[in-house]
Amino acid sequence: MKKLAQLLPLFLLLPVFAFAQDLSYLDTLVGEIGGLVAALIPVVIAIGLLFFIWGLVQYIAASGDEAAKEEGKRKMIWGVIALFVIVAVWGLVEILAGLVGADPGAETELPSVPGVG
């Protein structure tokens, strides 16, 4: 069992050695991850915005109840924090993509593997 644990890192690194001559798969991987993030960002921003609006509605509706006003205020604050984090991560992905030369919005074609249909 101990030998298997020692060989496990080698087996995990085998794909790296197999693709050592062609690193285009790395660009494809970065492009695919960027595309996934780009597709999810509008959904997550919409959820954060809805959370903020829900807190605003609670704050306005609870004009006499201080505890409910505090709950609405807390939801609005967390909604703004969530929106800030989402937009900051979006910007960070764009900066990193620019640094490595990938275009997260571009469609990428997966490389063909010889012998695999």
C-alpha atoms as a PDB file:
ATOM      1  CA  MET A   1       0.000   0.000   0.000  1.00  0.00           C
ATOM      2  CA  LYS A   2       2.876   2.336   0.792  1.00  0.00           C
ATOM      3  CA  LYS A   3       4.384   1.737  -2.658  1.00  0.00           C
ATOM      4  CA  LEU A   4       1.079   2.627  -4.278  1.00  0.00           C
ATOM      5  CA  ALA A   5       1.010   5.889  -2.323  1.00  0.00           C
ATOM      6  CA  GLN A   6       4.531   6.641  -3.531  1.00  0.00           C
ATOM      7  CA  LEU A   7       3.639   5.919  -7.165  1.00  0.00           C
ATOM      8  CA  LEU A   8       0.397   7.913  -7.130  1.00  0.00           C
ATOM      9  CA  PRO A   9       2.086  11.284  -7.847  1.00  0.00           C
ATOM     10  CA  LEU A  10       3.863   9.691 -10.802  1.00  0.00           C
ATOM     11  CA  PHE A  11       0.580   8.440 -12.235  1.00  0.00           C
ATOM     12  CA  LEU A  12      -0.974  11.862 -11.741  1.00  0.00           C
ATOM     13  CA  LEU A  13       1.916  13.487 -13.630  1.00  0.00           C
ATOM     14  CA  LEU A  14       1.801  11.101 -16.597  1.00  0.00           C
ATOM     15  CA  PRO A  15      -0.492  13.359 -18.665  1.00  0.00           C
ATOM     16  CA  VAL A  16       1.992  16.197 -18.196  1.00  0.00           C
ATOM     17  CA  PHE A  17       4.755  14.047 -19.643  1.00  0.00           C
ATOM     18  CA  ALA A  18       2.517  12.809 -22.458  1.00  0.00           C
ATOM     19  CA  PHE A  19       1.666  16.354 -23.538  1.00  0.00           C
ATOM     20  CA  ALA A  20       5.156  17.738 -22.880  1.00  0.00           C
ATOM     21  CA  GLN A  21       5.761  18.488 -26.555  1.00  0.00           C
ATOM     22  CA  ASP A  22       2.501  20.313 -27.152  1.00  0.00           C
ATOM     23  CA  LEU A  23       1.313  22.820 -24.545  1.00  0.00           C
ATOM     24  CA  SER A  24      -1.657  24.055 -26.565  1.00  0.00           C
ATOM     25  CA  TYR A  25      -3.958  22.097 -24.259  1.00  0.00           C
ATOM     26  CA  LEU A  26      -3.010  24.535 -21.481  1.00  0.00           C
ATOM     27  CA  ASP A  27      -4.265  27.483 -23.518  1.00  0.00           C
ATOM     28  CA  THR A  28      -7.429  25.530 -24.264  1.00  0.00           C
ATOM     29  CA  LEU A  29      -7.910  24.771 -20.575  1.00  0.00           C
ATOM     30  CA  VAL A  30      -7.475  28.428 -19.617  1.00  0.00           C
ATOM     31  CA  GLY A  31      -9.912  29.428 -22.360  1.00  0.00           C
ATOM     32  CA  GLU A  32     -12.502  26.886 -21.216  1.00  0.00           C
ATOM     33  CA  ILE A  33     -12.268  27.980 -17.579  1.00  0.00           C
ATOM     34  CA  GLY A  34     -12.518  31.610 -18.651  1.00  0.00           C
ATOM     35  CA  GLY A  35     -15.551  30.817 -20.782  1.00  0.00           C
ATOM     36  CA  LEU A  36     -17.230  29.055 -17.870  1.00  0.00           C
ATOM     37  CA  VAL A  37     -16.547  31.966 -15.533  1.00  0.00           C
ATOM     38  CA  ALA A  38     -17.793  34.424 -18.150  1.00  0.00           C
ATOM     39  CA  ALA A  39     -21.026  32.457 -18.483  1.00  0.00           C
ATOM     40  CA  LEU A  40     -21.608  32.254 -14.720  1.00  0.00           C
ATOM     41  CA  ILE A  41     -20.816  35.864 -13.830  1.00  0.00           C
ATOM     42  CA  PRO A  42     -24.105  37.422 -15.059  1.00  0.00           C
ATOM     43  CA  VAL A  43     -26.079  34.782 -13.147  1.00  0.00           C
ATOM     44  CA  VAL A  44     -24.166  35.392  -9.918  1.00  0.00           C
ATOM     45  CA  ILE A  45     -24.437  39.165 -10.330  1.00  0.00           C
ATOM     46  CA  ALA A  46     -28.206  38.814 -10.785  1.00  0.00           C
ATOM     47  CA  ILE A  47     -28.442  36.736  -7.588  1.00  0.00           C
ATOM     48  CA  GLY A  48     -26.421  39.333  -5.649  1.00  0.00           C
ATOM     49  CA  LEU A  49     -28.567  42.138  -7.024  1.00  0.00           C
ATOM     50  CA  LEU A  50     -31.774  40.309  -6.116  1.00  0.00           C
ATOM     51  CA  PHE A  51     -30.436  39.775  -2.582  1.00  0.00           C
ATOM     52  CA  PHE A  52     -29.740  43.499  -2.295  1.00  0.00           C
ATOM     53  CA  ILE A  53     -33.208  44.382  -3.611  1.00  0.00           C
ATOM     54  CA  TRP A  54     -34.834  41.909  -1.204  1.00  0.00           C
ATOM     55  CA  GLY A  55     -33.024  43.607   1.689  1.00  0.00           C
ATOM     56  CA  LEU A  56     -34.158  46.998   0.401  1.00  0.00           C
ATOM     57  CA  VAL A  57     -37.775  45.818   0.243  1.00  0.00           C
ATOM     58  CA  GLN A  58     -37.516  44.468   3.796  1.00  0.00           C
ATOM     59  CA  TYR A  59     -35.996  47.742   4.986  1.00  0.00           C
ATOM     60  CA  ILE A  60     -38.756  49.849   3.407  1.00  0.00           C
ATOM     61  CA  ALA A  61     -41.580  47.519   4.465  1.00  0.00           C
ATOM     62  CA  ALA A  62     -40.435  47.458   8.104  1.00  0.00           C
ATOM     63  CA  SER A  63     -40.681  51.184   8.724  1.00  0.00           C
ATOM     64  CA  GLY A  64     -41.777  50.748  12.375  1.00  0.00           C
ATOM     65  CA  ASP A  65     -39.939  47.567  13.389  1.00  0.00           C
ATOM     66  CA  GLU A  66     -36.294  48.269  14.212  1.00  0.00           C
ATOM     67  CA  ALA A  67     -35.280  44.577  14.222  1.00  0.00           C
ATOM     68  CA  ALA A  68     -36.691  44.053  10.731  1.00  0.00           C
ATOM     69  CA  LYS A  69     -35.019  47.261   9.532  1.00  0.00           C
ATOM     70  CA  GLU A  70     -31.674  45.968  10.816  1.00  0.00           C
ATOM     71  CA  GLU A  71     -32.238  42.653   9.035  1.00  0.00           C
ATOM     72  CA  GLY A  72     -32.988  44.489   5.781  1.00  0.00           C
ATOM     73  CA  LYS A  73     -29.951  46.731   6.249  1.00  0.00           C
ATOM     74  CA  ARG A  74     -27.743  43.690   6.869  1.00  0.00           C
ATOM     75  CA  LYS A  75     -29.015  42.011   3.682  1.00  0.00           C
ATOM     76  CA  MET A  76     -28.346  45.176   1.684  1.00  0.00           C
ATOM     77  CA  ILE A  77     -24.796  45.393   3.040  1.00  0.00           C
ATOM     78  CA  TRP A  78     -24.108  41.734   2.235  1.00  0.00           C
ATOM     79  CA  GLY A  79     -25.619  42.238  -1.232  1.00  0.00           C
ATOM     80  CA  VAL A  80     -23.257  45.149  -1.914  1.00  0.00           C
ATOM     81  CA  ILE A  81     -20.293  43.139  -0.578  1.00  0.00           C
ATOM     82  CA  ALA A  82     -21.254  40.186  -2.783  1.00  0.00           C
ATOM     83  CA  LEU A  83     -21.549  42.406  -5.853  1.00  0.00           C
ATOM     84  CA  PHE A  84     -18.150  43.964  -5.113  1.00  0.00           C
ATOM     85  CA  VAL A  85     -16.500  40.550  -4.738  1.00  0.00           C
ATOM     86  CA  ILE A  86     -18.113  39.234  -7.926  1.00  0.00           C
ATOM     87  CA  VAL A  87     -17.025  42.218  -9.996  1.00  0.00           C
ATOM     88  CA  ALA A  88     -13.534  42.113  -8.445  1.00  0.00           C
ATOM     89  CA  VAL A  89     -13.134  38.426  -9.337  1.00  0.00           C
ATOM     90  CA  TRP A  90     -14.414  39.164 -12.835  1.00  0.00           C
ATOM     91  CA  GLY A  91     -11.792  41.879 -13.210  1.00  0.00           C
ATOM     92  CA  LEU A  92      -9.082  39.606 -11.803  1.00  0.00           C
ATOM     93  CA  VAL A  93      -9.943  36.904 -14.337  1.00  0.00           C
ATOM     94  CA  GLU A  94      -9.749  39.454 -17.144  1.00  0.00           C
ATOM     95  CA  ILE A  95      -6.369  40.715 -15.906  1.00  0.00           C
ATOM     96  CA  LEU A  96      -4.956  37.188 -15.577  1.00  0.00           C
ATOM     97  CA  ALA A  97      -6.307  36.225 -18.992  1.00  0.00           C
ATOM     98  CA  GLY A  98      -4.617  39.274 -20.476  1.00  0.00           C
ATOM     99  CA  LEU A  99      -1.337  38.385 -18.776  1.00  0.00           C
ATOM    100  CA  VAL A 100      -1.278  34.836 -20.158  1.00  0.00           C
ATOM    101  CA  GLY A 101      -2.568  35.912 -23.555  1.00  0.00           C
ATOM    102  CA  ALA A 102      -5.884  34.066 -23.399  1.00  0.00           C
ATOM    103  CA  ASP A 103      -9.202  35.517 -24.447  1.00  0.00           C
ATOM    104  CA  PRO A 104     -11.887  34.210 -22.058  1.00  0.00           C
ATOM    105  CA  GLY A 105     -14.664  35.356 -24.367  1.00  0.00           C
ATOM    106  CA  ALA A 106     -13.303  33.595 -27.428  1.00  0.00           C
ATOM    107  CA  GLU A 107     -14.572  30.228 -28.510  1.00  0.00           C
ATOM    108  CA  THR A 108     -11.899  27.582 -28.433  1.00  0.00           C
ATOM    109  CA  GLU A 109     -11.745  24.320 -30.284  1.00  0.00           C
ATOM    110  CA  LEU A 110     -10.660  21.261 -28.360  1.00  0.00           C
ATOM    111  CA  PRO A 111      -7.560  19.591 -29.792  1.00  0.00           C
ATOM    112  CA  SER A 112      -8.081  16.280 -31.527  1.00  0.00           C
ATOM    113  CA  VAL A 113      -6.385  13.239 -30.073  1.00  0.00           C
ATOM    114  CA  PRO A 114      -5.039  10.791 -32.666  1.00  0.00           C
ATOM    115  CA  GLY A 115      -6.734   7.424 -32.472  1.00  0.00           C
ATOM    116  CA  VAL A 116      -9.726   8.698 -30.502  1.00  0.00           C
ATOM    117  CA  GLY A 117     -12.973   9.161 -32.423  1.00  0.00           C
END
